[in-house]
Amino acid sequence: MKVGDKLPQVTFQTRVRDESVGGPNPFRWEPVTTDDYFKGKRVVLFSLPGAFTPTCSTYQLPGFEKAANEMAGLGVDAIYCLSVNDSFVMNQWAKAQGLDNVKVIPDGSGEFTQKVGMLVRKDNLGFGFRSWRYAAIIDDGVVERVFEEPGRCDNHAEDPYGESSPENVLRYLRETASVMA
C-alpha cells in the first residue's frame, strides 16, 4: 500500500442485525464492497493483528474512537478498523469496546489485506495470517497517506506500535487542514 494506490475491489462478508430474522441471534449475512466503504468519502482506515489483542484493544482502537469527533472536524467522513478476523469476532469486539464512531471491517479471509500487501504470518503467536499494523487516509478509494509500523515481516518477534497511532494520524490531519486553510 502506497500513496496514490487505488484500493482493490473486495467483497467483505459482514453480519448485520435484522429483527425480521427472529430468534436469539437476529443477524443476516450482508456483502459489503470496497466501494460501499470508501467511494466518495475521505476516511481513516487502520488495521491491526487481531481483535481482542492487548495493544489493539487498549490503545489503538480506543484512541481512534476517542479522536473521532476531532477527525470529523478535520474532514474525515468515517473511521474503519480492519482486521483479519471474521464478522462474528469483529462484531463482538466492537460491542465489547462500546464503539459509537469507529466501524469494524471483517477481512476474514485476508483477501483485502493480501491485495494491499499487508498480509503477514504470525505463526510464532499461533495466529496464522494476519494484518501488519498500519493506518491510512483514503480519499475516494485512493490512498492519500500511509502510517505503517516499521519492520514488516513474517513472524515478527515484537508488535511495533506508534506510527499508526491515532495521535500520529491526528497530527497529519491537523497539519494538512492548516495548510489548506
C-alpha atoms as a PDB file:
ATOM      1  CA  MET A   1       0.000   0.000   0.000  1.00  0.00           C
ATOM      2  CA  LYS A   2       1.442   3.317  -1.033  1.00  0.00           C
ATOM      3  CA  VAL A   3       0.293   6.861  -1.716  1.00  0.00           C
ATOM      4  CA  GLY A   4      -1.690   7.056  -4.952  1.00  0.00           C
ATOM      5  CA  ASP A   5      -2.775   3.392  -4.952  1.00  0.00           C
ATOM      6  CA  LYS A   6      -6.430   2.678  -5.661  1.00  0.00           C
ATOM      7  CA  LEU A   7      -7.845   0.209  -3.161  1.00  0.00           C
ATOM      8  CA  PRO A   8      -8.566  -3.265  -4.538  1.00  0.00           C
ATOM      9  CA  GLN A   9     -12.137  -4.329  -5.164  1.00  0.00           C
ATOM     10  CA  VAL A  10     -13.083  -6.817  -2.460  1.00  0.00           C
ATOM     11  CA  THR A  11     -16.387  -8.009  -1.047  1.00  0.00           C
ATOM     12  CA  PHE A  12     -16.370  -8.292   2.738  1.00  0.00           C
ATOM     13  CA  GLN A  13     -18.802 -10.744   4.331  1.00  0.00           C
ATOM     14  CA  THR A  14     -20.469  -8.909   7.204  1.00  0.00           C
ATOM     15  CA  ARG A  15     -23.187  -9.807   9.689  1.00  0.00           C
ATOM     16  CA  VAL A  16     -25.863  -7.191  10.370  1.00  0.00           C
ATOM     17  CA  ARG A  17     -28.697  -7.118  12.856  1.00  0.00           C
ATOM     18  CA  ASP A  18     -32.056  -7.854  11.219  1.00  0.00           C
ATOM     19  CA  GLU A  19     -35.045  -8.297  13.529  1.00  0.00           C
ATOM     20  CA  SER A  20     -37.013  -9.962  10.716  1.00  0.00           C
ATOM     21  CA  VAL A  21     -34.727 -12.987  11.138  1.00  0.00           C
ATOM     22  CA  GLY A  22     -36.145 -13.546  14.621  1.00  0.00           C
ATOM     23  CA  GLY A  23     -34.798 -15.812  17.305  1.00  0.00           C
ATOM     24  CA  PRO A  24     -31.985 -15.207  19.776  1.00  0.00           C
ATOM     25  CA  ASN A  25     -29.464 -14.343  17.044  1.00  0.00           C
ATOM     26  CA  PRO A  26     -31.249 -11.985  14.615  1.00  0.00           C
ATOM     27  CA  PHE A  27     -28.396 -11.385  12.177  1.00  0.00           C
ATOM     28  CA  ARG A  28     -28.025 -11.979   8.452  1.00  0.00           C
ATOM     29  CA  TRP A  29     -25.111 -12.019   6.043  1.00  0.00           C
ATOM     30  CA  GLU A  30     -24.601  -8.815   4.076  1.00  0.00           C
ATOM     31  CA  PRO A  31     -21.855  -8.476   1.460  1.00  0.00           C
ATOM     32  CA  VAL A  32     -20.229  -5.027   1.562  1.00  0.00           C
ATOM     33  CA  THR A  33     -17.790  -3.927  -1.147  1.00  0.00           C
ATOM     34  CA  THR A  34     -14.731  -1.725  -1.114  1.00  0.00           C
ATOM     35  CA  ASP A  35     -16.796   0.922  -2.923  1.00  0.00           C
ATOM     36  CA  ASP A  36     -19.522   0.732  -0.276  1.00  0.00           C
ATOM     37  CA  TYR A  37     -16.966   1.636   2.378  1.00  0.00           C
ATOM     38  CA  PHE A  38     -14.737   4.090   0.528  1.00  0.00           C
ATOM     39  CA  LYS A  39     -16.329   5.599  -2.589  1.00  0.00           C
ATOM     40  CA  GLY A  40     -16.953   9.326  -2.328  1.00  0.00           C
ATOM     41  CA  LYS A  41     -15.595   9.588   1.223  1.00  0.00           C
ATOM     42  CA  ARG A  42     -12.402  10.611   2.976  1.00  0.00           C
ATOM     43  CA  VAL A  43     -11.785   8.007   5.647  1.00  0.00           C
ATOM     44  CA  VAL A  44      -9.251   6.796   8.146  1.00  0.00           C
ATOM     45  CA  LEU A  45      -8.583   3.092   7.780  1.00  0.00           C
ATOM     46  CA  PHE A  46      -6.493   1.346  10.379  1.00  0.00           C
ATOM     47  CA  SER A  47      -5.619  -2.309  10.548  1.00  0.00           C
ATOM     48  CA  LEU A  48      -4.161  -4.421  13.279  1.00  0.00           C
ATOM     49  CA  PRO A  49      -3.148  -8.007  14.040  1.00  0.00           C
ATOM     50  CA  GLY A  50      -6.297  -9.079  15.830  1.00  0.00           C
ATOM     51  CA  ALA A  51      -9.478  -8.288  17.688  1.00  0.00           C
ATOM     52  CA  PHE A  52      -9.277  -8.622  21.474  1.00  0.00           C
ATOM     53  CA  THR A  53      -5.454  -8.438  21.451  1.00  0.00           C
ATOM     54  CA  PRO A  54      -3.733  -6.178  24.037  1.00  0.00           C
ATOM     55  CA  THR A  55      -2.324  -3.246  22.044  1.00  0.00           C
ATOM     56  CA  CYS A  56      -5.288  -3.199  19.681  1.00  0.00           C
ATOM     57  CA  SER A  57      -7.872  -3.215  22.477  1.00  0.00           C
ATOM     58  CA  THR A  58      -6.061  -0.984  24.957  1.00  0.00           C
ATOM     59  CA  TYR A  59      -4.561   1.748  22.778  1.00  0.00           C
ATOM     60  CA  GLN A  60      -5.230   1.758  19.060  1.00  0.00           C
ATOM     61  CA  LEU A  61      -8.991   1.128  18.781  1.00  0.00           C
ATOM     62  CA  PRO A  62      -9.990   3.190  21.850  1.00  0.00           C
ATOM     63  CA  GLY A  63      -7.696   6.003  20.708  1.00  0.00           C
ATOM     64  CA  PHE A  64      -9.387   6.236  17.324  1.00  0.00           C
ATOM     65  CA  GLU A  65     -12.820   6.086  18.978  1.00  0.00           C
ATOM     66  CA  LYS A  66     -11.843   8.976  21.255  1.00  0.00           C
ATOM     67  CA  ALA A  67     -10.378  11.009  18.363  1.00  0.00           C
ATOM     68  CA  ALA A  68     -13.396  10.531  16.070  1.00  0.00           C
ATOM     69  CA  ASN A  69     -15.059  13.897  16.678  1.00  0.00           C
ATOM     70  CA  GLU A  70     -11.868  15.851  16.084  1.00  0.00           C
ATOM     71  CA  MET A  71     -11.126  13.796  12.964  1.00  0.00           C
ATOM     72  CA  ALA A  72     -14.628  14.531  11.670  1.00  0.00           C
ATOM     73  CA  GLY A  73     -13.932  18.232  12.150  1.00  0.00           C
ATOM     74  CA  LEU A  74     -10.786  17.798  10.067  1.00  0.00           C
ATOM     75  CA  GLY A  75     -12.627  16.354   7.076  1.00  0.00           C
ATOM     76  CA  VAL A  76     -12.857  12.641   7.896  1.00  0.00           C
ATOM     77  CA  ASP A  77     -16.204  11.084   6.950  1.00  0.00           C
ATOM     78  CA  ALA A  78     -15.660   7.697   8.616  1.00  0.00           C
ATOM     79  CA  ILE A  79     -13.145   5.680  10.623  1.00  0.00           C
ATOM     80  CA  TYR A  80     -12.777   1.969   9.876  1.00  0.00           C
ATOM     81  CA  CYS A  81     -10.906  -0.679  11.816  1.00  0.00           C
ATOM     82  CA  LEU A  82      -9.996  -3.683   9.677  1.00  0.00           C
ATOM     83  CA  SER A  83      -8.618  -6.983  10.898  1.00  0.00           C
ATOM     84  CA  VAL A  84      -8.128 -10.464   9.508  1.00  0.00           C
ATOM     85  CA  ASN A  85     -10.938 -11.764  11.702  1.00  0.00           C
ATOM     86  CA  ASP A  86     -14.426 -12.926  10.744  1.00  0.00           C
ATOM     87  CA  SER A  87     -17.542 -10.822  11.184  1.00  0.00           C
ATOM     88  CA  PHE A  88     -18.659 -12.705  14.305  1.00  0.00           C
ATOM     89  CA  VAL A  89     -15.420 -11.804  16.088  1.00  0.00           C
ATOM     90  CA  MET A  90     -15.326  -8.219  14.814  1.00  0.00           C
ATOM     91  CA  ASN A  91     -18.934  -7.559  15.845  1.00  0.00           C
ATOM     92  CA  GLN A  92     -18.370  -8.918  19.342  1.00  0.00           C
ATOM     93  CA  TRP A  93     -15.171  -6.896  19.703  1.00  0.00           C
ATOM     94  CA  ALA A  94     -16.979  -3.704  18.617  1.00  0.00           C
ATOM     95  CA  LYS A  95     -19.707  -4.482  21.159  1.00  0.00           C
ATOM     96  CA  ALA A  96     -17.180  -5.182  23.934  1.00  0.00           C
ATOM     97  CA  GLN A  97     -15.378  -1.918  23.145  1.00  0.00           C
ATOM     98  CA  GLY A  98     -18.637   0.085  23.198  1.00  0.00           C
ATOM     99  CA  LEU A  99     -17.934   1.662  19.817  1.00  0.00           C
ATOM    100  CA  ASP A 100     -20.093   4.550  18.644  1.00  0.00           C
ATOM    101  CA  ASN A 101     -17.847   6.099  15.991  1.00  0.00           C
ATOM    102  CA  VAL A 102     -15.394   3.540  14.634  1.00  0.00           C
ATOM    103  CA  LYS A 103     -16.895   0.909  12.327  1.00  0.00           C
ATOM    104  CA  VAL A 104     -15.279  -2.512  12.018  1.00  0.00           C
ATOM    105  CA  ILE A 105     -14.499  -4.285   8.753  1.00  0.00           C
ATOM    106  CA  PRO A 106     -14.062  -8.073   8.864  1.00  0.00           C
ATOM    107  CA  ASP A 107     -11.419  -9.295   6.420  1.00  0.00           C
ATOM    108  CA  GLY A 108     -11.947 -12.909   7.453  1.00  0.00           C
ATOM    109  CA  SER A 109     -10.093 -14.500   4.558  1.00  0.00           C
ATOM    110  CA  GLY A 110      -7.394 -11.811   4.443  1.00  0.00           C
ATOM    111  CA  GLU A 111      -8.168 -11.066   0.787  1.00  0.00           C
ATOM    112  CA  PHE A 112      -8.104  -7.260   1.131  1.00  0.00           C
ATOM    113  CA  THR A 113      -5.049  -7.354   3.391  1.00  0.00           C
ATOM    114  CA  GLN A 114      -3.188  -9.556   0.923  1.00  0.00           C
ATOM    115  CA  LYS A 115      -4.098  -7.340  -2.034  1.00  0.00           C
ATOM    116  CA  VAL A 116      -2.780  -4.209  -0.302  1.00  0.00           C
ATOM    117  CA  GLY A 117       0.456  -6.021   0.586  1.00  0.00           C
ATOM    118  CA  MET A 118      -0.013  -6.062   4.362  1.00  0.00           C
ATOM    119  CA  LEU A 119      -0.655  -9.771   4.989  1.00  0.00           C
ATOM    120  CA  VAL A 120       1.970 -11.342   7.256  1.00  0.00           C
ATOM    121  CA  ARG A 121       2.340 -14.659   9.024  1.00  0.00           C
ATOM    122  CA  LYS A 122       2.045 -14.631  12.805  1.00  0.00           C
ATOM    123  CA  ASP A 123       2.572 -18.370  13.325  1.00  0.00           C
ATOM    124  CA  ASN A 124       5.010 -17.585  16.126  1.00  0.00           C
ATOM    125  CA  LEU A 125       1.942 -16.459  18.134  1.00  0.00           C
ATOM    126  CA  GLY A 126      -0.432 -19.107  16.809  1.00  0.00           C
ATOM    127  CA  PHE A 127      -2.369 -16.540  14.754  1.00  0.00           C
ATOM    128  CA  GLY A 128      -1.647 -17.697  11.202  1.00  0.00           C
ATOM    129  CA  PHE A 129      -2.084 -14.984   8.584  1.00  0.00           C
ATOM    130  CA  ARG A 130      -2.847 -11.501   9.950  1.00  0.00           C
ATOM    131  CA  SER A 131      -2.541  -7.868   9.000  1.00  0.00           C
ATOM    132  CA  TRP A 132       0.551  -5.847   9.651  1.00  0.00           C
ATOM    133  CA  ARG A 133      -0.343  -2.823  11.804  1.00  0.00           C
ATOM    134  CA  TYR A 134      -0.940   0.344   9.779  1.00  0.00           C
ATOM    135  CA  ALA A 135      -3.263   3.300   9.355  1.00  0.00           C
ATOM    136  CA  ALA A 136      -4.084   5.190   6.176  1.00  0.00           C
ATOM    137  CA  ILE A 137      -6.058   8.152   4.949  1.00  0.00           C
ATOM    138  CA  ILE A 138      -8.183   7.057   1.994  1.00  0.00           C
ATOM    139  CA  ASP A 139      -9.812   9.666  -0.244  1.00  0.00           C
ATOM    140  CA  ASP A 140     -12.487   8.308  -2.589  1.00  0.00           C
ATOM    141  CA  GLY A 141     -10.812   4.893  -2.650  1.00  0.00           C
ATOM    142  CA  VAL A 142      -7.290   6.242  -3.252  1.00  0.00           C
ATOM    143  CA  VAL A 143      -4.509   6.159  -0.664  1.00  0.00           C
ATOM    144  CA  GLU A 144      -3.635   9.701   0.429  1.00  0.00           C
ATOM    145  CA  ARG A 145      -1.221   8.842   3.251  1.00  0.00           C
ATOM    146  CA  VAL A 146       0.056   5.648   4.925  1.00  0.00           C
ATOM    147  CA  PHE A 147       1.262   5.230   8.511  1.00  0.00           C
ATOM    148  CA  GLU A 148       2.945   1.816   8.577  1.00  0.00           C
ATOM    149  CA  GLU A 149       4.744   0.351  11.545  1.00  0.00           C
ATOM    150  CA  PRO A 150       8.427  -0.338  10.819  1.00  0.00           C
ATOM    151  CA  GLY A 151       9.877  -3.802  10.255  1.00  0.00           C
ATOM    152  CA  ARG A 152       7.051  -5.533   8.385  1.00  0.00           C
ATOM    153  CA  CYS A 153       7.902  -9.210   8.108  1.00  0.00           C
ATOM    154  CA  ASP A 154       6.520 -12.636   8.838  1.00  0.00           C
ATOM    155  CA  ASN A 155       6.640 -13.803  12.459  1.00  0.00           C
ATOM    156  CA  HIS A 156       7.954 -10.503  13.811  1.00  0.00           C
ATOM    157  CA  ALA A 157       9.160 -11.042  17.367  1.00  0.00           C
ATOM    158  CA  GLU A 158       7.513  -7.833  18.583  1.00  0.00           C
ATOM    159  CA  ASP A 159       4.331  -5.852  17.922  1.00  0.00           C
ATOM    160  CA  PRO A 160       5.512  -2.386  16.917  1.00  0.00           C
ATOM    161  CA  TYR A 161       3.064   0.424  17.666  1.00  0.00           C
ATOM    162  CA  GLY A 162       3.436   4.167  17.294  1.00  0.00           C
ATOM    163  CA  GLU A 163       3.489   5.158  13.642  1.00  0.00           C
ATOM    164  CA  SER A 164      -0.137   4.028  13.158  1.00  0.00           C
ATOM    165  CA  SER A 165      -1.391   5.612  16.384  1.00  0.00           C
ATOM    166  CA  PRO A 166      -4.422   7.898  16.351  1.00  0.00           C
ATOM    167  CA  GLU A 167      -2.213  10.677  17.716  1.00  0.00           C
ATOM    168  CA  ASN A 168       0.065  10.415  14.678  1.00  0.00           C
ATOM    169  CA  VAL A 169      -2.877  10.361  12.257  1.00  0.00           C
ATOM    170  CA  LEU A 170      -4.400  13.386  14.023  1.00  0.00           C
ATOM    171  CA  ARG A 171      -1.115  15.263  13.717  1.00  0.00           C
ATOM    172  CA  TYR A 172      -1.159  14.717   9.949  1.00  0.00           C
ATOM    173  CA  LEU A 173      -4.831  15.737   9.661  1.00  0.00           C
ATOM    174  CA  ARG A 174      -4.197  18.927  11.660  1.00  0.00           C
ATOM    175  CA  GLU A 175      -1.152  19.813   9.529  1.00  0.00           C
ATOM    176  CA  THR A 176      -2.987  19.277   6.230  1.00  0.00           C
ATOM    177  CA  ALA A 177      -6.013  21.214   7.494  1.00  0.00           C
ATOM    178  CA  SER A 178      -3.845  24.182   8.448  1.00  0.00           C
ATOM    179  CA  VAL A 179      -2.103  24.153   5.056  1.00  0.00           C
ATOM    180  CA  MET A 180      -5.451  24.172   3.269  1.00  0.00           C
ATOM    181  CA  ALA A 181      -6.866  26.978   5.498  1.00  0.00           C
END
